[in-house]
C-alpha atoms as a PDB file:
ATOM      1  CA  MET A   1     202.920  -7.163-187.636  1.00  0.00           C
ATOM      2  CA  GLN A   2     206.381  -6.052-188.713  1.00  0.00           C
ATOM      3  CA  ILE A   3     208.323  -7.603-191.580  1.00  0.00           C
ATOM      4  CA  PHE A   4     212.116  -7.540-191.484  1.00  0.00           C
ATOM      5  CA  THR A   5     214.308  -8.581-194.389  1.00  0.00           C
ATOM      6  CA  THR A   6     217.784  -7.838-193.010  1.00  0.00           C
ATOM      7  CA  ARG A   7     219.788  -9.375-190.211  1.00  0.00           C
ATOM      8  CA  ARG A   8     220.549  -5.975-188.718  1.00  0.00           C
ATOM      9  CA  GLU A   9     216.858  -5.015-188.480  1.00  0.00           C
ATOM     10  CA  LEU A  10     215.934  -8.233-186.699  1.00  0.00           C
ATOM     11  CA  GLN A  11     218.851  -8.220-184.287  1.00  0.00           C
ATOM     12  CA  GLN A  12     218.378  -4.577-183.326  1.00  0.00           C
ATOM     13  CA  PHE A  13     214.674  -5.164-182.741  1.00  0.00           C
ATOM     14  CA  ALA A  14     215.341  -8.272-180.635  1.00  0.00           C
ATOM     15  CA  LEU A  15     218.059  -6.665-178.527  1.00  0.00           C
ATOM     16  CA  GLY A  16     215.823  -3.669-177.889  1.00  0.00           C
ATOM     17  CA  ALA A  17     212.956  -5.931-176.858  1.00  0.00           C
ATOM     18  CA  LYS A  18     215.192  -7.828-174.454  1.00  0.00           C
ATOM     19  CA  ARG A  19     216.491  -4.575-172.919  1.00  0.00           C
ATOM     20  CA  SER A  20     212.898  -3.549-172.258  1.00  0.00           C
ATOM     21  CA  GLY A  21     212.239  -6.837-170.457  1.00  0.00           C
ATOM     22  CA  LYS A  22     210.196  -8.552-173.172  1.00  0.00           C
ATOM     23  CA  SER A  23     210.413 -12.296-173.739  1.00  0.00           C
ATOM     24  CA  ILE A  24     210.721 -13.667-177.282  1.00  0.00           C
ATOM     25  CA  ALA A  25     209.587 -16.922-178.870  1.00  0.00           C
ATOM     26  CA  LEU A  26     210.908 -17.957-182.289  1.00  0.00           C
ATOM     27  CA  VAL A  27     209.270 -20.268-184.826  1.00  0.00           C
ATOM     28  CA  PRO A  28     211.752 -21.096-187.618  1.00  0.00           C
ATOM     29  CA  THR A  29     210.063 -22.150-190.872  1.00  0.00           C
ATOM     30  CA  MET A  30     210.759 -22.500-194.582  1.00  0.00           C
ATOM     31  CA  GLY A  31     207.368 -21.042-195.441  1.00  0.00           C
ATOM     32  CA  PHE A  32     204.433 -22.498-197.381  1.00  0.00           C
ATOM     33  CA  LEU A  33     202.804 -22.573-193.980  1.00  0.00           C
ATOM     34  CA  HIS A  34     200.097 -25.052-192.963  1.00  0.00           C
ATOM     35  CA  GLU A  35     198.222 -25.972-189.788  1.00  0.00           C
ATOM     36  CA  GLY A  36     201.306 -27.682-188.394  1.00  0.00           C
ATOM     37  CA  HIS A  37     203.207 -24.403-188.553  1.00  0.00           C
ATOM     38  CA  THR A  38     200.336 -22.354-187.152  1.00  0.00           C
ATOM     39  CA  SER A  39     200.093 -24.746-184.199  1.00  0.00           C
ATOM     40  CA  LEU A  40     203.705 -23.825-183.422  1.00  0.00           C
ATOM     41  CA  MET A  41     202.812 -20.125-183.586  1.00  0.00           C
ATOM     42  CA  ASP A  42     199.975 -20.672-181.128  1.00  0.00           C
ATOM     43  CA  ILE A  43     202.307 -22.422-178.691  1.00  0.00           C
ATOM     44  CA  ALA A  44     204.820 -19.578-179.066  1.00  0.00           C
ATOM     45  CA  ARG A  45     202.071 -16.999-178.480  1.00  0.00           C
ATOM     46  CA  GLY A  46     201.276 -18.647-175.159  1.00  0.00           C
ATOM     47  CA  LYS A  47     204.920 -18.549-174.032  1.00  0.00           C
ATOM     48  CA  ALA A  48     206.294 -15.097-174.806  1.00  0.00           C
ATOM     49  CA  ASP A  49     205.527 -11.413-175.175  1.00  0.00           C
ATOM     50  CA  ILE A  50     206.842 -11.318-178.743  1.00  0.00           C
ATOM     51  CA  VAL A  51     206.502 -14.029-181.410  1.00  0.00           C
ATOM     52  CA  ILE A  52     208.946 -14.037-184.320  1.00  0.00           C
ATOM     53  CA  VAL A  53     208.446 -16.323-187.329  1.00  0.00           C
ATOM     54  CA  SER A  54     211.268 -16.772-189.811  1.00  0.00           C
ATOM     55  CA  ILE A  55     210.405 -17.646-193.415  1.00  0.00           C
ATOM     56  CA  PHE A  56     213.535 -18.753-195.233  1.00  0.00           C
ATOM     57  CA  VAL A  57     214.106 -21.651-197.626  1.00  0.00           C
ATOM     58  CA  ASN A  58     217.602 -22.508-196.461  1.00  0.00           C
ATOM     59  CA  PRO A  59     219.824 -23.613-199.351  1.00  0.00           C
ATOM     60  CA  LYS A  60     222.482 -25.014-197.044  1.00  0.00           C
ATOM     61  CA  GLN A  61     220.284 -27.952-196.029  1.00  0.00           C
ATOM     62  CA  PHE A  62     219.587 -29.068-199.608  1.00  0.00           C
ATOM     63  CA  ALA A  63     221.905 -31.296-201.604  1.00  0.00           C
ATOM     64  CA  PRO A  64     222.407 -30.392-205.286  1.00  0.00           C
ATOM     65  CA  THR A  65     220.048 -33.197-206.341  1.00  0.00           C
ATOM     66  CA  GLU A  66     217.226 -32.160-203.992  1.00  0.00           C
ATOM     67  CA  ASP A  67     214.202 -29.914-204.473  1.00  0.00           C
ATOM     68  CA  PHE A  68     215.439 -26.465-203.426  1.00  0.00           C
ATOM     69  CA  ASP A  69     214.345 -24.736-206.638  1.00  0.00           C
ATOM     70  CA  ARG A  70     210.868 -26.230-206.651  1.00  0.00           C
ATOM     71  CA  TYR A  71     210.253 -26.138-202.895  1.00  0.00           C
ATOM     72  CA  PRO A  72     206.756 -24.613-202.574  1.00  0.00           C
ATOM     73  CA  ARG A  73     206.532 -20.921-201.744  1.00  0.00           C
ATOM     74  CA  ASP A  74     203.529 -18.671-200.954  1.00  0.00           C
ATOM     75  CA  PHE A  75     204.791 -15.565-199.191  1.00  0.00           C
ATOM     76  CA  GLU A  76     201.524 -13.610-199.252  1.00  0.00           C
ATOM     77  CA  GLY A  77     199.609 -16.600-197.941  1.00  0.00           C
ATOM     78  CA  ASP A  78     202.249 -17.100-195.250  1.00  0.00           C
ATOM     79  CA  LEU A  79     201.905 -13.490-194.108  1.00  0.00           C
ATOM     80  CA  ALA A  80     198.132 -13.859-193.846  1.00  0.00           C
ATOM     81  CA  LYS A  81     198.506 -16.936-191.654  1.00  0.00           C
ATOM     82  CA  CYS A  82     201.068 -15.194-189.440  1.00  0.00           C
ATOM     83  CA  GLU A  83     198.753 -12.191-189.050  1.00  0.00           C
ATOM     84  CA  ALA A  84     195.825 -14.447-188.170  1.00  0.00           C
ATOM     85  CA  HIS A  85     197.856 -16.157-185.451  1.00  0.00           C
ATOM     86  CA  LYS A  86     199.038 -12.905-183.870  1.00  0.00           C
ATOM     87  CA  VAL A  87     202.686 -13.084-184.905  1.00  0.00           C
ATOM     88  CA  ASP A  88     204.555  -9.874-184.083  1.00  0.00           C
ATOM     89  CA  VAL A  89     207.503 -10.116-186.485  1.00  0.00           C
ATOM     90  CA  VAL A  90     208.170 -12.013-189.703  1.00  0.00           C
ATOM     91  CA  PHE A  91     211.804 -12.342-190.731  1.00  0.00           C
ATOM     92  CA  ALA A  92     212.105 -13.067-194.448  1.00  0.00           C
ATOM     93  CA  PRO A  93     215.651 -12.518-195.729  1.00  0.00           C
ATOM     94  CA  GLU A  94     217.017 -13.219-199.183  1.00  0.00           C
ATOM     95  CA  ILE A  95     219.793 -15.813-199.441  1.00  0.00           C
ATOM     96  CA  SER A  96     222.363 -13.094-200.144  1.00  0.00           C
ATOM     97  CA  GLU A  97     221.292 -11.335-196.953  1.00  0.00           C
ATOM     98  CA  MET A  98     221.346 -14.426-194.754  1.00  0.00           C
ATOM     99  CA  TYR A  99     224.742 -15.682-195.934  1.00  0.00           C
ATOM    100  CA  ASP A 100     227.709 -13.564-196.911  1.00  0.00           C
ATOM    101  CA  VAL A 101     229.147 -14.477-200.299  1.00  0.00           C
ATOM    102  CA  ASN A 102     232.313 -15.938-198.766  1.00  0.00           C
ATOM    103  CA  SER A 103     230.596 -17.532-195.749  1.00  0.00           C
ATOM    104  CA  SER A 104     232.758 -20.421-194.519  1.00  0.00           C
ATOM    105  CA  THR A 105     231.532 -21.246-190.997  1.00  0.00           C
ATOM    106  CA  TRP A 106     229.334 -24.214-190.126  1.00  0.00           C
ATOM    107  CA  VAL A 107     227.701 -25.427-186.924  1.00  0.00           C
ATOM    108  CA  GLU A 108     227.500 -29.219-186.816  1.00  0.00           C
ATOM    109  CA  GLU A 109     226.179 -31.814-184.375  1.00  0.00           C
ATOM    110  CA  THR A 110     227.980 -35.095-184.985  1.00  0.00           C
ATOM    111  CA  VAL A 111     226.115 -37.891-183.163  1.00  0.00           C
ATOM    112  CA  LEU A 112     222.327 -37.525-183.149  1.00  0.00           C
ATOM    113  CA  ALA A 113     222.416 -36.216-186.729  1.00  0.00           C
ATOM    114  CA  LYS A 114     224.052 -39.330-188.197  1.00  0.00           C
ATOM    115  CA  PRO A 115     221.268 -41.942-188.558  1.00  0.00           C
ATOM    116  CA  LEU A 116     217.884 -41.767-190.322  1.00  0.00           C
ATOM    117  CA  CYS A 117     217.652 -38.568-192.413  1.00  0.00           C
ATOM    118  CA  GLY A 118     221.273 -37.817-191.623  1.00  0.00           C
ATOM    119  CA  ALA A 119     222.348 -41.041-193.308  1.00  0.00           C
ATOM    120  CA  SER A 120     220.373 -40.487-196.502  1.00  0.00           C
ATOM    121  CA  ARG A 121     220.822 -36.684-196.551  1.00  0.00           C
ATOM    122  CA  PRO A 122     224.344 -36.246-195.136  1.00  0.00           C
ATOM    123  CA  THR A 123     224.481 -32.451-195.603  1.00  0.00           C
ATOM    124  CA  PHE A 124     220.996 -31.812-194.242  1.00  0.00           C
ATOM    125  CA  TYR A 125     221.447 -31.367-190.501  1.00  0.00           C
ATOM    126  CA  ARG A 126     224.651 -29.371-190.849  1.00  0.00           C
ATOM    127  CA  GLY A 127     222.638 -26.869-192.841  1.00  0.00           C
ATOM    128  CA  VAL A 128     219.839 -26.918-190.275  1.00  0.00           C
ATOM    129  CA  THR A 129     222.058 -26.355-187.247  1.00  0.00           C
ATOM    130  CA  THR A 130     223.987 -23.598-188.998  1.00  0.00           C
ATOM    131  CA  VAL A 131     220.904 -21.600-189.951  1.00  0.00           C
ATOM    132  CA  VAL A 132     219.200 -22.171-186.595  1.00  0.00           C
ATOM    133  CA  ALA A 133     222.304 -21.002-184.723  1.00  0.00           C
ATOM    134  CA  LYS A 134     222.254 -17.829-186.832  1.00  0.00           C
ATOM    135  CA  LEU A 135     218.550 -17.314-186.162  1.00  0.00           C
ATOM    136  CA  PHE A 136     219.109 -17.706-182.419  1.00  0.00           C
ATOM    137  CA  LEU A 137     221.792 -15.018-182.487  1.00  0.00           C
ATOM    138  CA  LEU A 138     219.634 -12.690-184.571  1.00  0.00           C
ATOM    139  CA  ALA A 139     216.259 -13.175-182.878  1.00  0.00           C
ATOM    140  CA  GLN A 140     217.592 -13.605-179.308  1.00  0.00           C
ATOM    141  CA  PRO A 141     214.733 -15.965-178.375  1.00  0.00           C
ATOM    142  CA  ASP A 142     213.979 -17.203-174.892  1.00  0.00           C
ATOM    143  CA  TYR A 143     211.953 -20.006-176.490  1.00  0.00           C
ATOM    144  CA  ALA A 144     212.041 -21.740-179.861  1.00  0.00           C
ATOM    145  CA  VAL A 145     209.268 -24.068-181.013  1.00  0.00           C
ATOM    146  CA  PHE A 146     209.992 -27.059-183.270  1.00  0.00           C
ATOM    147  CA  GLY A 147     207.473 -29.614-184.492  1.00  0.00           C
ATOM    148  CA  LEU A 148     208.030 -33.278-183.808  1.00  0.00           C
ATOM    149  CA  LYS A 149     207.212 -34.325-187.361  1.00  0.00           C
ATOM    150  CA  ASP A 150     210.972 -34.079-187.798  1.00  0.00           C
ATOM    151  CA  ALA A 151     211.735 -35.363-184.315  1.00  0.00           C
ATOM    152  CA  GLN A 152     215.370 -36.022-185.174  1.00  0.00           C
ATOM    153  CA  GLN A 153     215.768 -32.341-186.043  1.00  0.00           C
ATOM    154  CA  CYS A 154     214.294 -31.405-182.677  1.00  0.00           C
ATOM    155  CA  PHE A 155     216.702 -33.725-180.852  1.00  0.00           C
ATOM    156  CA  VAL A 156     219.666 -32.344-182.811  1.00  0.00           C
ATOM    157  CA  ILE A 157     218.709 -28.733-182.007  1.00  0.00           C
ATOM    158  CA  GLN A 158     218.269 -29.596-178.328  1.00  0.00           C
ATOM    159  CA  ARG A 159     221.763 -31.112-178.289  1.00  0.00           C
ATOM    160  CA  MET A 160     223.240 -28.072-180.051  1.00  0.00           C
ATOM    161  CA  VAL A 161     221.623 -25.740-177.527  1.00  0.00           C
ATOM    162  CA  ARG A 162     222.939 -27.807-174.636  1.00  0.00           C
ATOM    163  CA  ASP A 163     226.462 -28.178-175.995  1.00  0.00           C
ATOM    164  CA  LEU A 164     226.914 -24.549-177.082  1.00  0.00           C
ATOM    165  CA  ASP A 165     225.082 -22.976-174.107  1.00  0.00           C
ATOM    166  CA  PHE A 166     222.476 -21.084-176.077  1.00  0.00           C
ATOM    167  CA  PRO A 167     220.104 -19.444-173.546  1.00  0.00           C
ATOM    168  CA  VAL A 168     217.075 -20.843-175.389  1.00  0.00           C
ATOM    169  CA  GLU A 169     214.420 -23.282-174.205  1.00  0.00           C
ATOM    170  CA  ILE A 170     213.469 -25.666-177.025  1.00  0.00           C
ATOM    171  CA  ILE A 171     209.776 -26.521-177.010  1.00  0.00           C
ATOM    172  CA  PRO A 172     208.929 -29.734-178.907  1.00  0.00           C
ATOM    173  CA  ALA A 173     205.437 -29.485-180.395  1.00  0.00           C
ATOM    174  CA  PRO A 174     203.178 -32.417-181.304  1.00  0.00           C
ATOM    175  CA  LEU A 175     203.144 -33.730-184.854  1.00  0.00           C
ATOM    176  CA  VAL A 176     199.981 -32.531-186.638  1.00  0.00           C
ATOM    177  CA  ARG A 177     198.093 -34.777-189.058  1.00  0.00           C
ATOM    178  CA  ASP A 178     195.469 -34.196-191.701  1.00  0.00           C
ATOM    179  CA  ALA A 179     192.049 -35.770-191.226  1.00  0.00           C
ATOM    180  CA  ASP A 180     193.143 -38.875-193.146  1.00  0.00           C
ATOM    181  CA  GLY A 181     196.188 -39.375-190.891  1.00  0.00           C
ATOM    182  CA  LEU A 182     198.897 -38.096-193.244  1.00  0.00           C
ATOM    183  CA  ALA A 183     201.486 -36.019-191.417  1.00  0.00           C
ATOM    184  CA  LEU A 184     201.186 -32.406-192.544  1.00  0.00           C
ATOM    185  CA  SER A 185     204.057 -31.312-194.769  1.00  0.00           C
ATOM    186  CA  SER A 186     204.642 -28.547-197.287  1.00  0.00           C
ATOM    187  CA  ARG A 187     205.740 -31.293-199.696  1.00  0.00           C
ATOM    188  CA  ASN A 188     202.345 -33.034-199.580  1.00  0.00           C
ATOM    189  CA  ARG A 189     201.263 -30.732-202.411  1.00  0.00           C
ATOM    190  CA  TYR A 190     203.557 -32.690-204.735  1.00  0.00           C
ATOM    191  CA  LEU A 191     201.477 -35.852-204.284  1.00  0.00           C
ATOM    192  CA  SER A 192     198.862 -36.927-206.799  1.00  0.00           C
ATOM    193  CA  ALA A 193     195.542 -38.089-205.343  1.00  0.00           C
ATOM    194  CA  ASP A 194     196.598 -41.717-205.831  1.00  0.00           C
ATOM    195  CA  GLU A 195     200.043 -41.171-204.301  1.00  0.00           C
ATOM    196  CA  ARG A 196     198.491 -39.465-201.296  1.00  0.00           C
ATOM    197  CA  ARG A 197     196.083 -42.348-200.755  1.00  0.00           C
ATOM    198  CA  ARG A 198     198.924 -44.859-200.896  1.00  0.00           C
ATOM    199  CA  ALA A 199     201.162 -42.708-198.689  1.00  0.00           C
ATOM    200  CA  LEU A 200     198.757 -43.289-195.804  1.00  0.00           C
ATOM    201  CA  SER A 201     200.473 -46.676-195.513  1.00  0.00           C
ATOM    202  CA  ILE A 202     203.421 -44.970-193.798  1.00  0.00           C
ATOM    203  CA  HIS A 203     201.493 -43.987-190.686  1.00  0.00           C
ATOM    204  CA  GLN A 204     199.404 -47.144-190.737  1.00  0.00           C
ATOM    205  CA  SER A 205     202.536 -49.289-190.847  1.00  0.00           C
ATOM    206  CA  LEU A 206     204.084 -47.349-187.954  1.00  0.00           C
ATOM    207  CA  LEU A 207     200.988 -47.810-185.815  1.00  0.00           C
ATOM    208  CA  GLY A 208     200.999 -51.536-186.542  1.00  0.00           C
ATOM    209  CA  ALA A 209     204.699 -51.847-185.768  1.00  0.00           C
ATOM    210  CA  LYS A 210     204.318 -49.860-182.555  1.00  0.00           C
ATOM    211  CA  ALA A 211     201.514 -52.111-181.322  1.00  0.00           C
ATOM    212  CA  ARG A 212     203.491 -55.236-182.179  1.00  0.00           C
ATOM    213  CA  ILE A 213     206.665 -53.960-180.486  1.00  0.00           C
ATOM    214  CA  ILE A 214     204.763 -53.125-177.312  1.00  0.00           C
ATOM    215  CA  SER A 215     203.013 -56.501-177.212  1.00  0.00           C
ATOM    216  CA  GLU A 216     205.867 -58.757-178.359  1.00  0.00           C
ATOM    217  CA  LYS A 217     208.830 -56.832-176.859  1.00  0.00           C
ATOM    218  CA  THR A 218     210.868 -57.409-180.018  1.00  0.00           C
ATOM    219  CA  PHE A 219     211.769 -55.107-182.896  1.00  0.00           C
ATOM    220  CA  ALA A 220     212.900 -56.877-186.059  1.00  0.00           C
ATOM    221  CA  PRO A 221     209.638 -58.644-187.072  1.00  0.00           C
ATOM    222  CA  ALA A 222     207.616 -55.468-186.579  1.00  0.00           C
ATOM    223  CA  ILE A 223     210.059 -53.396-188.618  1.00  0.00           C
ATOM    224  CA  SER A 224     210.131 -55.953-191.434  1.00  0.00           C
ATOM    225  CA  GLU A 225     206.338 -56.033-191.552  1.00  0.00           C
ATOM    226  CA  ALA A 226     206.176 -52.228-191.696  1.00  0.00           C
ATOM    227  CA  VAL A 227     208.639 -52.135-194.605  1.00  0.00           C
ATOM    228  CA  GLU A 228     206.568 -54.751-196.451  1.00  0.00           C
ATOM    229  CA  LYS A 229     203.344 -52.753-195.969  1.00  0.00           C
ATOM    230  CA  VAL A 230     204.795 -49.514-197.343  1.00  0.00           C
ATOM    231  CA  SER A 231     206.455 -51.342-200.217  1.00  0.00           C
ATOM    232  CA  ALA A 232     203.221 -53.155-201.042  1.00  0.00           C
ATOM    233  CA  ALA A 233     201.497 -49.765-201.259  1.00  0.00           C
ATOM    234  CA  GLY A 234     204.011 -48.692-203.894  1.00  0.00           C
ATOM    235  CA  GLY A 235     206.337 -46.749-201.643  1.00  0.00           C
ATOM    236  CA  LYS A 236     210.111 -46.808-201.976  1.00  0.00           C
ATOM    237  CA  VAL A 237     211.314 -47.136-198.384  1.00  0.00           C
ATOM    238  CA  ASP A 238     214.297 -45.022-197.405  1.00  0.00           C
ATOM    239  CA  TYR A 239     214.261 -46.279-193.836  1.00  0.00           C
ATOM    240  CA  ILE A 240     212.000 -47.600-191.111  1.00  0.00           C
ATOM    241  CA  GLU A 241     213.938 -47.874-187.874  1.00  0.00           C
ATOM    242  CA  ILE A 242     213.512 -47.803-184.122  1.00  0.00           C
ATOM    243  CA  LEU A 243     216.051 -45.809-182.084  1.00  0.00           C
ATOM    244  CA  ASP A 244     216.550 -44.581-178.550  1.00  0.00           C
ATOM    245  CA  CYS A 245     215.410 -40.931-178.424  1.00  0.00           C
ATOM    246  CA  ASP A 246     218.301 -39.891-176.179  1.00  0.00           C
ATOM    247  CA  THR A 247     221.142 -41.546-178.086  1.00  0.00           C
ATOM    248  CA  MET A 248     219.694 -42.094-181.580  1.00  0.00           C
ATOM    249  CA  ALA A 249     221.262 -45.544-181.387  1.00  0.00           C
ATOM    250  CA  ALA A 250     219.609 -48.946-181.304  1.00  0.00           C
ATOM    251  CA  PRO A 251     217.539 -49.387-178.133  1.00  0.00           C
ATOM    252  CA  ASP A 252     219.046 -51.448-175.320  1.00  0.00           C
ATOM    253  CA  GLU A 253     217.951 -52.568-171.859  1.00  0.00           C
ATOM    254  CA  ASN A 254     218.350 -49.002-170.559  1.00  0.00           C
ATOM    255  CA  SER A 255     216.171 -47.388-173.216  1.00  0.00           C
ATOM    256  CA  LYS A 256     212.947 -45.820-172.024  1.00  0.00           C
ATOM    257  CA  ARG A 257     211.653 -43.562-174.792  1.00  0.00           C
ATOM    258  CA  VAL A 258     212.053 -44.621-178.418  1.00  0.00           C
ATOM    259  CA  ILE A 259     211.272 -43.224-181.846  1.00  0.00           C
ATOM    260  CA  LEU A 260     209.897 -45.428-184.584  1.00  0.00           C
ATOM    261  CA  ALA A 261     210.738 -43.370-187.664  1.00  0.00           C
ATOM    262  CA  ALA A 262     210.044 -43.790-191.356  1.00  0.00           C
ATOM    263  CA  ALA A 263     210.952 -42.117-194.623  1.00  0.00           C
ATOM    264  CA  ALA A 264     209.600 -43.252-197.970  1.00  0.00           C
ATOM    265  CA  PHE A 265     209.127 -41.984-201.496  1.00  0.00           C
ATOM    266  CA  PHE A 266     205.777 -41.964-203.232  1.00  0.00           C
ATOM    267  CA  GLY A 267     206.454 -40.856-206.749  1.00  0.00           C
ATOM    268  CA  THR A 268     209.277 -38.349-206.426  1.00  0.00           C
ATOM    269  CA  THR A 269     208.084 -37.046-203.045  1.00  0.00           C
ATOM    270  CA  ARG A 270     209.975 -38.051-199.915  1.00  0.00           C
ATOM    271  CA  LEU A 271     207.778 -38.157-196.820  1.00  0.00           C
ATOM    272  CA  ILE A 272     208.754 -38.654-193.179  1.00  0.00           C
ATOM    273  CA  ASP A 273     206.709 -39.725-190.175  1.00  0.00           C
ATOM    274  CA  ASN A 274     207.271 -41.144-186.711  1.00  0.00           C
ATOM    275  CA  GLU A 275     205.777 -42.492-183.528  1.00  0.00           C
ATOM    276  CA  ILE A 276     207.457 -41.702-180.188  1.00  0.00           C
ATOM    277  CA  PHE A 277     206.561 -43.903-177.241  1.00  0.00           C
ATOM    278  CA  GLU A 278     207.730 -45.445-173.987  1.00  0.00           C
ATOM    279  CA  LEU A 279     208.987 -49.017-173.986  1.00  0.00           C
END
């Protein structure tokens, strides 16, 4: 397994691989890898000759009040997981390497990125699309694998790829849960045992709302009940909403696939989860 820390190293490697006829799959991550990330690596391994994993805590997607400085990091542990899952290249640049000091260019999707996390974290997706566009140009992937825990992110990246004609196939990967049902997240380590137990209410409330929406064919009562359940468990609800997956707007009579998405704080930790289903 090779480790690159500069843009030039990665791009030269990728261009050489493409000239020799090799296919490339990219898994972008911010490190502190868990089974959700390794599931993405396994999917990538089944798609391409070369698997590249990026490990980069991207400052451009954090607001000044968010947890950039304390975001969990474990580079040696990350490398061990990459090695175990047959990753060929790890790209781990410093911030000063990834962004020039006077960098002034952004890549921004302006519709799908607006609701949900985009409403409560207005700088978030602009930072995501900018860094992912850079990674696509550096790693030259034929495939890129994104987990559906942040389904909105996946939809935004798919739209960016379509609109800007990146020659990359985006592969959405299933959300991975721990045995107790909590969606896997690097931020779960912030939770106390009690907060983690109470945070299970997020997924439980989504499952209840999903069942009620399917049976009653109405949204508002199910959403209200879900908010009440998370709040009763001590969570501070950021949002629980149902949106059309294609438009990220309220579902209408033409909607087929919807996302029931939630974000809530337990303690100081913001957790997200979702259920995607057909109406």
